[in-house]
């Protein structure tokens, strides 16, 4: 299976790259800088995107943490969590409150980490965290390959299209 096609990319304040794939049905967030300010911009972008996401489609997002040191900043901001719908504790709460108002909300979040030590540490945190029960309609998966993450999200998009066609 090939990687989904890129529709558009824009950069927010030279700090966060947001890219859209497969007819704007997959969103990718990639921090360019490692500062708390970037995480606030990212959190705002996630909340706005989810609020505007169509109910008929699963929210499909890639959190690209593959730049050096980003994983540790991300884990630190989220109080040692890596499997998260958003990137700050406050924004996670806001997103979860919004999701609770939308019956049938589904999501898949791919988290891409670097194959470096910090990326491996992120994978370890994900494995530990994945052992706790997840009652939310969100499926998380961690990758060290951005293309693999995009293919996983695209497979979910295709499955949703096939289900809708039946």
Protein backbone atom coordinates (compact mmCIF):
# COMPACT_ATOMS: atom_id res chain seq x y z
CA UNK A 1 0.00 0.00 0.00
CA UNK A 2 1.33 3.44 -0.90
CA UNK A 3 1.51 6.48 1.33
CA UNK A 4 -1.53 8.78 1.00
CA UNK A 5 -1.10 11.87 -1.15
CA UNK A 6 -0.24 15.21 0.42
CA UNK A 7 -2.96 17.84 -0.09
CA UNK A 8 -1.46 20.87 1.60
CA UNK A 9 0.91 22.02 4.31
CA UNK A 10 1.03 25.23 6.28
CA UNK A 11 3.27 26.46 9.06
CA UNK A 12 1.94 28.24 12.15
CA UNK A 13 4.27 31.00 13.42
CA UNK A 14 7.42 29.17 12.22
CA UNK A 15 6.73 26.69 15.03
CA UNK A 16 4.28 24.01 13.91
CA UNK A 17 3.82 22.31 10.53
CA UNK A 18 0.28 21.08 9.82
CA UNK A 19 -0.14 18.84 6.78
CA UNK A 20 -3.27 17.35 5.25
CA UNK A 21 -3.43 14.07 3.31
CA UNK A 22 -5.93 11.99 1.35
CA UNK A 23 -8.52 14.63 0.61
CA UNK A 24 -8.00 16.32 3.98
CA UNK A 25 -9.09 13.20 5.83
CA UNK A 26 -5.74 12.76 7.64
CA UNK A 27 -4.01 15.54 9.54
CA UNK A 28 -0.36 15.59 10.58
CA UNK A 29 1.13 17.84 13.25
CA UNK A 30 4.91 18.31 13.38
CA UNK A 31 6.52 20.74 15.81
CA UNK A 32 9.41 22.68 14.32
CA UNK A 33 10.57 24.15 17.63
CA UNK A 34 10.67 22.57 21.10
CA UNK A 35 9.06 25.15 23.36
CA UNK A 36 5.96 25.22 25.57
CA UNK A 37 4.60 27.94 23.27
CA UNK A 38 4.65 25.49 20.36
CA UNK A 39 2.71 22.95 22.41
CA UNK A 40 0.06 25.61 23.13
CA UNK A 41 -0.27 26.40 19.41
CA UNK A 42 -0.43 22.67 18.65
CA UNK A 43 -3.07 22.11 21.34
CA UNK A 44 -5.19 24.92 19.89
CA UNK A 45 -4.87 23.48 16.37
CA UNK A 46 -5.94 20.02 17.56
CA UNK A 47 -8.99 21.34 19.39
CA UNK A 48 -10.08 23.48 16.43
CA UNK A 49 -9.56 20.59 14.01
CA UNK A 50 -11.56 18.12 16.14
CA UNK A 51 -14.38 20.63 16.62
CA UNK A 52 -14.65 20.95 12.83
CA UNK A 53 -14.13 17.27 12.03
CA UNK A 54 -17.08 15.64 10.24
CA UNK A 55 -19.02 13.17 12.40
CA UNK A 56 -19.15 10.68 9.53
CA UNK A 57 -15.36 10.20 9.49
CA UNK A 58 -12.96 8.99 12.15
CA UNK A 59 -10.49 11.61 13.30
CA UNK A 60 -7.18 10.45 11.81
CA UNK A 61 -4.10 12.25 13.10
CA UNK A 62 -0.34 11.87 13.08
CA UNK A 63 1.65 13.41 15.92
CA UNK A 64 5.13 13.57 14.43
CA UNK A 65 7.62 13.64 17.31
CA UNK A 66 10.54 12.42 15.22
CA UNK A 67 12.67 15.56 15.52
CA UNK A 68 15.49 15.20 18.08
CA UNK A 69 14.40 15.83 21.66
CA UNK A 70 10.72 16.42 20.87
CA UNK A 71 9.57 13.16 22.49
CA UNK A 72 11.02 14.12 25.86
CA UNK A 73 9.40 17.58 25.75
CA UNK A 74 6.06 16.00 24.79
CA UNK A 75 6.21 13.32 27.49
CA UNK A 76 7.20 15.92 30.08
CA UNK A 77 4.27 18.20 29.21
CA UNK A 78 1.85 15.28 29.39
CA UNK A 79 3.01 14.03 32.78
CA UNK A 80 4.79 10.94 31.39
CA UNK A 81 2.08 10.04 28.87
CA UNK A 82 2.66 9.60 25.16
CA UNK A 83 -0.64 8.07 24.03
CA UNK A 84 -2.74 11.23 23.98
CA UNK A 85 -5.29 12.89 21.74
CA UNK A 86 -3.73 16.30 22.47
CA UNK A 87 -0.47 17.72 23.78
CA UNK A 88 -1.09 19.53 27.09
CA UNK A 89 -3.09 18.40 30.13
CA UNK A 90 -5.52 21.32 29.72
CA UNK A 91 -6.11 20.63 26.04
CA UNK A 92 -6.58 16.90 26.65
CA UNK A 93 -9.36 17.79 29.08
CA UNK A 94 -10.96 20.21 26.57
CA UNK A 95 -10.80 17.67 23.75
CA UNK A 96 -12.22 14.90 25.94
CA UNK A 97 -15.08 17.17 27.04
CA UNK A 98 -15.83 17.95 23.39
CA UNK A 99 -15.63 14.30 22.37
CA UNK A 100 -18.11 13.40 25.12
CA UNK A 101 -20.72 15.57 23.36
CA UNK A 102 -20.33 13.69 20.07
CA UNK A 103 -21.83 10.24 20.08
CA UNK A 104 -20.06 7.90 17.71
CA UNK A 105 -16.80 9.85 17.75
CA UNK A 106 -13.93 7.62 16.66
CA UNK A 107 -10.25 8.38 16.27
CA UNK A 108 -6.92 6.88 15.40
CA UNK A 109 -3.79 8.71 16.46
CA UNK A 110 -0.42 7.63 15.11
CA UNK A 111 2.59 8.85 17.05
CA UNK A 112 5.86 8.89 15.15
CA UNK A 113 9.09 8.90 17.15
CA UNK A 114 12.72 8.89 16.08
CA UNK A 115 14.68 5.63 16.24
CA UNK A 116 17.07 7.41 18.66
CA UNK A 117 17.34 6.83 22.40
CA UNK A 118 14.62 9.39 23.16
CA UNK A 119 12.37 7.76 20.57
CA UNK A 120 12.98 4.34 22.10
CA UNK A 121 12.16 5.83 25.49
CA UNK A 122 8.90 7.12 24.00
CA UNK A 123 8.12 3.61 22.70
CA UNK A 124 8.73 2.22 26.20
CA UNK A 125 6.35 4.78 27.75
CA UNK A 126 3.74 3.84 25.13
CA UNK A 127 4.06 0.12 25.89
CA UNK A 128 3.63 0.74 29.61
CA UNK A 129 0.72 3.12 29.07
CA UNK A 130 -0.97 0.81 26.56
CA UNK A 131 -1.46 -1.76 29.33
CA UNK A 132 -4.01 0.46 31.05
CA UNK A 133 -7.63 0.07 29.90
CA UNK A 134 -8.73 2.64 27.33
CA UNK A 135 -12.46 3.28 27.47
CA UNK A 136 -12.30 6.09 24.93
CA UNK A 137 -13.01 5.52 21.25
CA UNK A 138 -9.41 6.31 20.35
CA UNK A 139 -6.91 3.85 18.95
CA UNK A 140 -3.24 4.77 19.39
CA UNK A 141 -0.18 3.31 17.72
CA UNK A 142 3.48 4.34 17.89
CA UNK A 143 5.75 4.19 14.84
CA UNK A 144 9.38 4.95 14.05
CA UNK A 145 8.47 5.32 10.38
CA UNK A 146 6.36 8.31 9.27
CA UNK A 147 5.25 6.56 6.06
CA UNK A 148 4.14 3.51 8.06
CA UNK A 149 2.11 5.76 10.34
CA UNK A 150 0.45 7.44 7.36
CA UNK A 151 -0.33 4.08 5.75
CA UNK A 152 -1.98 2.87 8.98
CA UNK A 153 -4.15 6.00 9.09
CA UNK A 154 -4.96 5.69 5.39
CA UNK A 155 -6.05 2.08 5.90
CA UNK A 156 -8.53 3.32 8.53
CA UNK A 157 -9.76 5.96 6.08
CA UNK A 158 -10.28 3.34 3.37
CA UNK A 159 -12.10 1.01 5.80
CA UNK A 160 -14.41 3.85 6.78
CA UNK A 161 -15.15 4.59 3.11
CA UNK A 162 -15.91 0.93 2.45
CA UNK A 163 -18.23 0.74 5.48
CA UNK A 164 -20.05 3.89 4.36
CA UNK A 165 -20.52 2.45 0.87
CA UNK A 166 -22.26 -0.70 2.18
